[in-house]
Amino acid sequence: MAPPCVHDGGHSAVGRYLRGPGRLRFVLVCDACGAERGDVDSLAYRPNPRPYANHPAELVARALGVEPARAGRIRLAALLCDIDAGGVGRGAPPPGAQRGDAGWPGL
C-alpha cells in the first residue's frame, strides 16, 4: 500500500463544472494525488451551445423555409462534403513509401 500523500509538492488550479447549480468551480489540487486542497473561486455559468448555428448551408435552408430538423441534416451533408474539399488526402505518399522513393512528394 502506498503511503498517504502529504501534499507538500506542486499544486494546480483546476476548473470543474457543477451542472446542477450551474457553476464553474475553480479549486486547488495536489499534483501528486489529485486531492482537492481548497477553493479558489466560482462563478455562475450555464452553457448555451449552438454548434454551427451560422453555417451557410443551414442559413440557406432556413431562408428557403426548410423545417429545422431537415436544415440540420443539410448542414451535416455540407460538412461531410467539405471534409476533403481542401485536398487533405491528395499528394500524400502511398502506404509504405519511404523518404527518397519516387512516390514521396518533395517538400
N, C-alpha and C. Protein backbone atom coordinates (compact mmCIF):
# COMPACT_ATOMS: atom_id res chain seq x y z
N MET A 1 0.84 -1.18 0.00
CA MET A 1 0.00 0.00 0.00
C MET A 1 0.89 1.24 0.00
N ALA A 2 0.52 2.22 -0.84
CA ALA A 2 1.30 3.45 -0.95
C ALA A 2 1.09 4.32 0.29
N PRO A 3 2.14 5.01 0.72
CA PRO A 3 1.99 5.90 1.88
C PRO A 3 1.06 7.05 1.52
N PRO A 4 0.36 7.60 2.50
CA PRO A 4 -0.55 8.72 2.23
C PRO A 4 0.22 9.94 1.74
N CYS A 5 -0.40 10.72 0.87
CA CYS A 5 0.22 11.92 0.32
C CYS A 5 0.24 13.02 1.39
N VAL A 6 1.37 13.72 1.46
CA VAL A 6 1.48 14.81 2.44
C VAL A 6 1.18 16.18 1.79
N HIS A 7 0.92 16.19 0.49
CA HIS A 7 0.53 17.39 -0.25
C HIS A 7 1.54 18.52 -0.12
N ASP A 8 2.83 18.21 -0.06
CA ASP A 8 3.82 19.27 0.06
C ASP A 8 4.50 19.59 -1.26
N GLY A 9 4.06 18.94 -2.35
CA GLY A 9 4.63 19.21 -3.67
C GLY A 9 3.85 20.30 -4.39
N GLY A 10 3.90 20.24 -5.71
CA GLY A 10 3.22 21.23 -6.53
C GLY A 10 1.70 21.09 -6.50
N HIS A 11 1.04 22.18 -6.74
CA HIS A 11 -0.42 22.22 -6.80
C HIS A 11 -0.83 22.96 -8.06
N SER A 12 -2.00 22.62 -8.59
CA SER A 12 -2.52 23.26 -9.79
C SER A 12 -3.95 23.70 -9.56
N ALA A 13 -4.36 24.73 -10.30
CA ALA A 13 -5.76 25.15 -10.29
C ALA A 13 -6.50 24.39 -11.37
N VAL A 14 -7.69 23.89 -11.04
CA VAL A 14 -8.49 23.10 -11.95
C VAL A 14 -9.91 23.66 -11.95
N GLY A 15 -10.51 23.72 -13.13
CA GLY A 15 -11.89 24.15 -13.23
C GLY A 15 -12.82 22.95 -13.31
N ARG A 16 -13.90 22.98 -12.59
CA ARG A 16 -14.89 21.90 -12.60
C ARG A 16 -16.27 22.52 -12.79
N TYR A 17 -17.06 21.90 -13.65
CA TYR A 17 -18.41 22.41 -13.90
C TYR A 17 -19.40 21.63 -13.06
N LEU A 18 -20.22 22.35 -12.30
CA LEU A 18 -21.27 21.75 -11.49
C LEU A 18 -22.59 21.98 -12.23
N ARG A 19 -23.10 20.93 -12.85
CA ARG A 19 -24.27 21.05 -13.71
C ARG A 19 -25.52 21.48 -12.94
N GLY A 20 -25.79 20.86 -11.79
CA GLY A 20 -27.00 21.19 -11.02
C GLY A 20 -27.11 22.66 -10.69
N PRO A 21 -26.15 23.20 -9.95
CA PRO A 21 -26.22 24.63 -9.61
C PRO A 21 -25.80 25.56 -10.75
N GLY A 22 -25.26 25.00 -11.84
CA GLY A 22 -24.83 25.84 -12.96
C GLY A 22 -23.69 26.75 -12.61
N ARG A 23 -22.62 26.19 -12.07
CA ARG A 23 -21.47 26.99 -11.65
C ARG A 23 -20.17 26.37 -12.14
N LEU A 24 -19.21 27.22 -12.44
CA LEU A 24 -17.84 26.79 -12.67
C LEU A 24 -17.11 26.98 -11.35
N ARG A 25 -16.48 25.93 -10.89
CA ARG A 25 -15.78 25.98 -9.60
C ARG A 25 -14.29 25.77 -9.86
N PHE A 26 -13.47 26.67 -9.38
CA PHE A 26 -12.03 26.58 -9.54
C PHE A 26 -11.43 26.16 -8.21
N VAL A 27 -10.70 25.06 -8.21
CA VAL A 27 -10.14 24.51 -6.98
C VAL A 27 -8.64 24.28 -7.14
N LEU A 28 -7.96 24.23 -6.02
CA LEU A 28 -6.55 23.92 -5.96
C LEU A 28 -6.42 22.43 -5.68
N VAL A 29 -5.66 21.70 -6.53
CA VAL A 29 -5.50 20.25 -6.34
C VAL A 29 -4.02 19.90 -6.23
N CYS A 30 -3.75 18.88 -5.47
CA CYS A 30 -2.39 18.36 -5.32
C CYS A 30 -1.99 17.66 -6.61
N ASP A 31 -0.82 18.02 -7.16
CA ASP A 31 -0.36 17.39 -8.39
C ASP A 31 0.00 15.92 -8.19
N ALA A 32 0.40 15.54 -6.99
CA ALA A 32 0.82 14.16 -6.74
C ALA A 32 -0.35 13.19 -6.67
N CYS A 33 -1.45 13.59 -5.99
CA CYS A 33 -2.55 12.64 -5.77
C CYS A 33 -3.88 13.11 -6.33
N GLY A 34 -3.99 14.37 -6.73
CA GLY A 34 -5.23 14.89 -7.29
C GLY A 34 -6.27 15.31 -6.28
N ALA A 35 -5.93 15.29 -4.99
CA ALA A 35 -6.89 15.67 -3.95
C ALA A 35 -7.14 17.18 -3.97
N GLU A 36 -8.42 17.56 -3.79
CA GLU A 36 -8.74 18.98 -3.70
C GLU A 36 -8.18 19.53 -2.39
N ARG A 37 -7.49 20.66 -2.49
CA ARG A 37 -6.87 21.26 -1.31
C ARG A 37 -7.54 22.56 -0.91
N GLY A 38 -8.34 23.15 -1.78
CA GLY A 38 -9.03 24.39 -1.41
C GLY A 38 -9.73 25.02 -2.60
N ASP A 39 -10.71 25.88 -2.30
CA ASP A 39 -11.43 26.61 -3.34
C ASP A 39 -10.68 27.87 -3.72
N VAL A 40 -10.63 28.16 -5.02
CA VAL A 40 -10.03 29.40 -5.50
C VAL A 40 -11.13 30.41 -5.77
N ASP A 41 -12.14 30.01 -6.54
CA ASP A 41 -13.24 30.90 -6.88
C ASP A 41 -14.33 30.08 -7.56
N SER A 42 -15.48 30.68 -7.76
CA SER A 42 -16.54 30.05 -8.54
C SER A 42 -17.35 31.15 -9.20
N LEU A 43 -18.00 30.82 -10.30
CA LEU A 43 -18.85 31.79 -10.97
C LEU A 43 -20.02 31.09 -11.62
N ALA A 44 -21.12 31.83 -11.76
CA ALA A 44 -22.32 31.28 -12.38
C ALA A 44 -22.08 31.10 -13.88
N TYR A 45 -22.45 29.94 -14.41
CA TYR A 45 -22.25 29.66 -15.83
C TYR A 45 -23.19 28.55 -16.27
N ARG A 46 -23.95 28.81 -17.28
CA ARG A 46 -24.78 27.78 -17.92
C ARG A 46 -24.49 27.84 -19.42
N PRO A 47 -23.93 26.77 -19.98
CA PRO A 47 -23.62 26.79 -21.42
C PRO A 47 -24.90 26.83 -22.25
N ASN A 48 -24.82 27.51 -23.36
CA ASN A 48 -25.92 27.59 -24.30
C ASN A 48 -25.36 27.30 -25.68
N PRO A 49 -24.99 26.04 -25.95
CA PRO A 49 -24.31 25.71 -27.20
C PRO A 49 -25.25 25.75 -28.40
N ARG A 50 -24.75 26.28 -29.48
CA ARG A 50 -25.45 26.26 -30.76
C ARG A 50 -24.41 25.96 -31.81
N PRO A 51 -23.96 24.69 -31.90
CA PRO A 51 -22.90 24.36 -32.85
C PRO A 51 -23.32 24.63 -34.29
N TYR A 52 -22.48 25.32 -35.01
CA TYR A 52 -22.67 25.60 -36.42
C TYR A 52 -23.98 26.33 -36.71
N ALA A 53 -24.44 27.16 -35.78
CA ALA A 53 -25.71 27.86 -35.96
C ALA A 53 -25.67 28.80 -37.16
N ASN A 54 -24.48 29.24 -37.54
CA ASN A 54 -24.37 30.16 -38.67
C ASN A 54 -23.72 29.52 -39.88
N HIS A 55 -23.80 28.20 -39.98
CA HIS A 55 -23.24 27.52 -41.15
C HIS A 55 -24.02 27.95 -42.38
N PRO A 56 -23.36 28.31 -43.48
CA PRO A 56 -24.06 28.80 -44.67
C PRO A 56 -25.14 27.85 -45.18
N ALA A 57 -24.90 26.55 -45.17
CA ALA A 57 -25.90 25.61 -45.67
C ALA A 57 -27.17 25.66 -44.82
N GLU A 58 -27.01 25.80 -43.52
CA GLU A 58 -28.19 25.88 -42.65
C GLU A 58 -28.91 27.21 -42.83
N LEU A 59 -28.15 28.29 -43.00
CA LEU A 59 -28.78 29.60 -43.22
C LEU A 59 -29.61 29.60 -44.51
N VAL A 60 -29.06 29.00 -45.56
CA VAL A 60 -29.79 28.93 -46.83
C VAL A 60 -31.03 28.06 -46.67
N ALA A 61 -30.89 26.92 -45.99
CA ALA A 61 -32.03 26.03 -45.79
C ALA A 61 -33.14 26.75 -45.02
N ARG A 62 -32.77 27.50 -43.98
CA ARG A 62 -33.78 28.23 -43.22
C ARG A 62 -34.44 29.32 -44.07
N ALA A 63 -33.63 30.00 -44.89
CA ALA A 63 -34.17 31.05 -45.76
C ALA A 63 -35.15 30.47 -46.78
N LEU A 64 -34.93 29.21 -47.18
CA LEU A 64 -35.83 28.55 -48.12
C LEU A 64 -37.05 27.94 -47.44
N GLY A 65 -37.12 28.05 -46.12
CA GLY A 65 -38.28 27.54 -45.40
C GLY A 65 -38.22 26.07 -45.05
N VAL A 66 -37.03 25.48 -45.09
CA VAL A 66 -36.88 24.07 -44.73
C VAL A 66 -37.06 23.94 -43.22
N GLU A 67 -37.83 22.92 -42.78
CA GLU A 67 -38.05 22.74 -41.34
C GLU A 67 -36.73 22.48 -40.63
N PRO A 68 -36.62 22.87 -39.35
CA PRO A 68 -35.35 22.80 -38.61
C PRO A 68 -34.67 21.43 -38.62
N ALA A 69 -35.42 20.35 -38.50
CA ALA A 69 -34.79 19.02 -38.48
C ALA A 69 -34.08 18.72 -39.79
N ARG A 70 -34.71 19.08 -40.90
CA ARG A 70 -34.08 18.84 -42.20
C ARG A 70 -32.94 19.83 -42.45
N ALA A 71 -33.05 21.04 -41.92
CA ALA A 71 -31.97 22.01 -42.09
C ALA A 71 -30.70 21.50 -41.43
N GLY A 72 -30.83 20.85 -40.27
CA GLY A 72 -29.68 20.26 -39.61
C GLY A 72 -29.04 19.16 -40.44
N ARG A 73 -29.87 18.37 -41.12
CA ARG A 73 -29.34 17.31 -41.98
C ARG A 73 -28.63 17.89 -43.20
N ILE A 74 -29.14 19.00 -43.71
CA ILE A 74 -28.49 19.67 -44.84
C ILE A 74 -27.12 20.19 -44.41
N ARG A 75 -27.06 20.77 -43.19
CA ARG A 75 -25.78 21.26 -42.67
C ARG A 75 -24.79 20.11 -42.54
N LEU A 76 -25.24 18.96 -42.00
CA LEU A 76 -24.36 17.80 -41.85
C LEU A 76 -23.85 17.33 -43.20
N ALA A 77 -24.73 17.26 -44.20
CA ALA A 77 -24.30 16.84 -45.54
C ALA A 77 -23.25 17.79 -46.10
N ALA A 78 -23.44 19.09 -45.89
CA ALA A 78 -22.46 20.07 -46.37
C ALA A 78 -21.12 19.92 -45.66
N LEU A 79 -21.17 19.67 -44.35
CA LEU A 79 -19.92 19.47 -43.61
C LEU A 79 -19.18 18.24 -44.10
N LEU A 80 -19.91 17.15 -44.36
CA LEU A 80 -19.27 15.93 -44.84
C LEU A 80 -18.67 16.13 -46.22
N CYS A 81 -19.32 16.92 -47.07
CA CYS A 81 -18.78 17.20 -48.40
C CYS A 81 -17.52 18.07 -48.32
N ASP A 82 -17.42 18.90 -47.27
CA ASP A 82 -16.28 19.80 -47.12
C ASP A 82 -15.04 19.11 -46.57
N ILE A 83 -15.17 17.90 -46.07
CA ILE A 83 -14.05 17.26 -45.39
C ILE A 83 -12.81 17.21 -46.26
N ASP A 84 -12.94 16.86 -47.54
CA ASP A 84 -11.75 16.76 -48.39
C ASP A 84 -11.73 17.85 -49.46
N ALA A 85 -12.50 18.91 -49.27
CA ALA A 85 -12.53 19.97 -50.26
C ALA A 85 -11.17 20.65 -50.41
N GLY A 86 -10.39 20.69 -49.35
CA GLY A 86 -9.08 21.32 -49.40
C GLY A 86 -7.98 20.40 -49.90
N GLY A 87 -8.33 19.20 -50.28
CA GLY A 87 -7.34 18.27 -50.80
C GLY A 87 -6.43 17.70 -49.73
N VAL A 88 -6.98 17.45 -48.57
CA VAL A 88 -6.18 16.98 -47.45
C VAL A 88 -5.45 15.69 -47.81
N GLY A 89 -6.14 14.77 -48.47
CA GLY A 89 -5.53 13.47 -48.78
C GLY A 89 -4.71 13.44 -50.05
N ARG A 90 -4.82 14.48 -50.87
CA ARG A 90 -4.07 14.49 -52.14
C ARG A 90 -2.61 14.82 -51.92
N GLY A 91 -1.75 14.15 -52.65
CA GLY A 91 -0.32 14.43 -52.57
C GLY A 91 0.40 13.71 -51.44
N ALA A 92 -0.31 12.92 -50.68
CA ALA A 92 0.34 12.17 -49.61
C ALA A 92 1.06 10.96 -50.21
N PRO A 93 2.15 10.54 -49.61
CA PRO A 93 2.86 9.38 -50.14
C PRO A 93 1.99 8.13 -50.00
N PRO A 94 2.15 7.18 -50.91
CA PRO A 94 1.37 5.95 -50.81
C PRO A 94 1.78 5.16 -49.57
N PRO A 95 0.90 4.30 -49.08
CA PRO A 95 1.24 3.50 -47.89
C PRO A 95 2.54 2.72 -48.11
N GLY A 96 3.41 2.75 -47.15
CA GLY A 96 4.67 2.02 -47.21
C GLY A 96 5.80 2.76 -47.89
N ALA A 97 5.54 3.95 -48.43
CA ALA A 97 6.60 4.70 -49.11
C ALA A 97 7.63 5.18 -48.11
N GLN A 98 8.88 5.20 -48.53
CA GLN A 98 9.97 5.68 -47.71
C GLN A 98 10.49 7.00 -48.27
N ARG A 99 11.05 7.82 -47.40
CA ARG A 99 11.60 9.10 -47.85
C ARG A 99 12.66 8.81 -48.91
N GLY A 100 12.57 9.52 -50.04
CA GLY A 100 13.50 9.33 -51.12
C GLY A 100 12.92 8.45 -52.24
N ASP A 101 11.85 7.70 -51.96
CA ASP A 101 11.20 6.90 -53.00
C ASP A 101 10.59 7.84 -54.03
N ALA A 102 10.32 7.29 -55.22
CA ALA A 102 9.73 8.09 -56.29
C ALA A 102 8.33 8.58 -55.91
N GLY A 103 7.61 7.83 -55.06
CA GLY A 103 6.26 8.21 -54.70
C GLY A 103 6.19 9.25 -53.59
N TRP A 104 7.33 9.59 -53.01
CA TRP A 104 7.34 10.53 -51.90
C TRP A 104 7.36 11.95 -52.45
N PRO A 105 6.39 12.80 -52.09
CA PRO A 105 6.37 14.16 -52.63
C PRO A 105 7.50 15.01 -52.06
N GLY A 106 8.00 15.91 -52.86
CA GLY A 106 9.07 16.82 -52.39
C GLY A 106 8.52 17.86 -51.43
N LEU A 107 9.39 18.40 -50.64
CA LEU A 107 8.99 19.43 -49.68
C LEU A 107 9.29 20.80 -50.26
